[in-house]
Amino acid sequence: MKRIFLILAMGALLLTSCKKDDAVGGIESIVFTGAPTGEVTMTIGTSMMLVYAIYPVEAMKTAKLEWSSSNEDVVSVMQGMVISRQVGTAIVTARCGEVSASVTVHVVAVPVTSFSLANEITLAIQEEKPIPVGDIQPSSATAASIEWSIIPTGIAEIFTSKETGSIMLRGLKVGTATL
């Protein structure tokens, strides 16, 4: 009985191996089938399972992949499940021994579908105020996702506060402009 258990345990070790030159269970390649271009795009705060195949197919059931992200601040990955954290790009890699495959993950902001602004903002020259953006939809979007412009240019400027991350407005000269 002990001999049968030992043989089964050794067989299990061979089957879960990731070395290409193993006689049983060796992996030749990993392919991300759900990312044919080698890239995927996600919005902040979402998750997705990376769909992949291992060749030869017989190794799919027993292979133990090691997953990693080149930038954990942008995306994290665990067993093929990718979670987006902030805008940016990261490379997610699945590795088994010497065999690996990677996919580039682009994380973008949630697109704003609607928002509201005050009818009028009054500024003195060189005065800075946050732009009072309200009722941003969807609720997971932020004002940073909005593409801002001022017409005519030169009367005021839009910038992001380094201290607070708020979208700010600075008066440059006397006049009236449309935001």
Foldseek 3Di string as FASTA:
>chain_A
DVVVVVVVVVVLVLLQAADQPRPHLHWDAKAQPVCVVLEDEEEAFDKDAGHMATPPNSNRVRYDKDKAKQDVCQWGDDPRMIHGHDADKIKMKIDGVPYIGIGIYGYHHDAWPDWDFDPDDDADAFDKDFGDIGDTPPPRGDPVNDDDDKPPPDQKDWDADPVPRTIMIHGHDDDDIDD
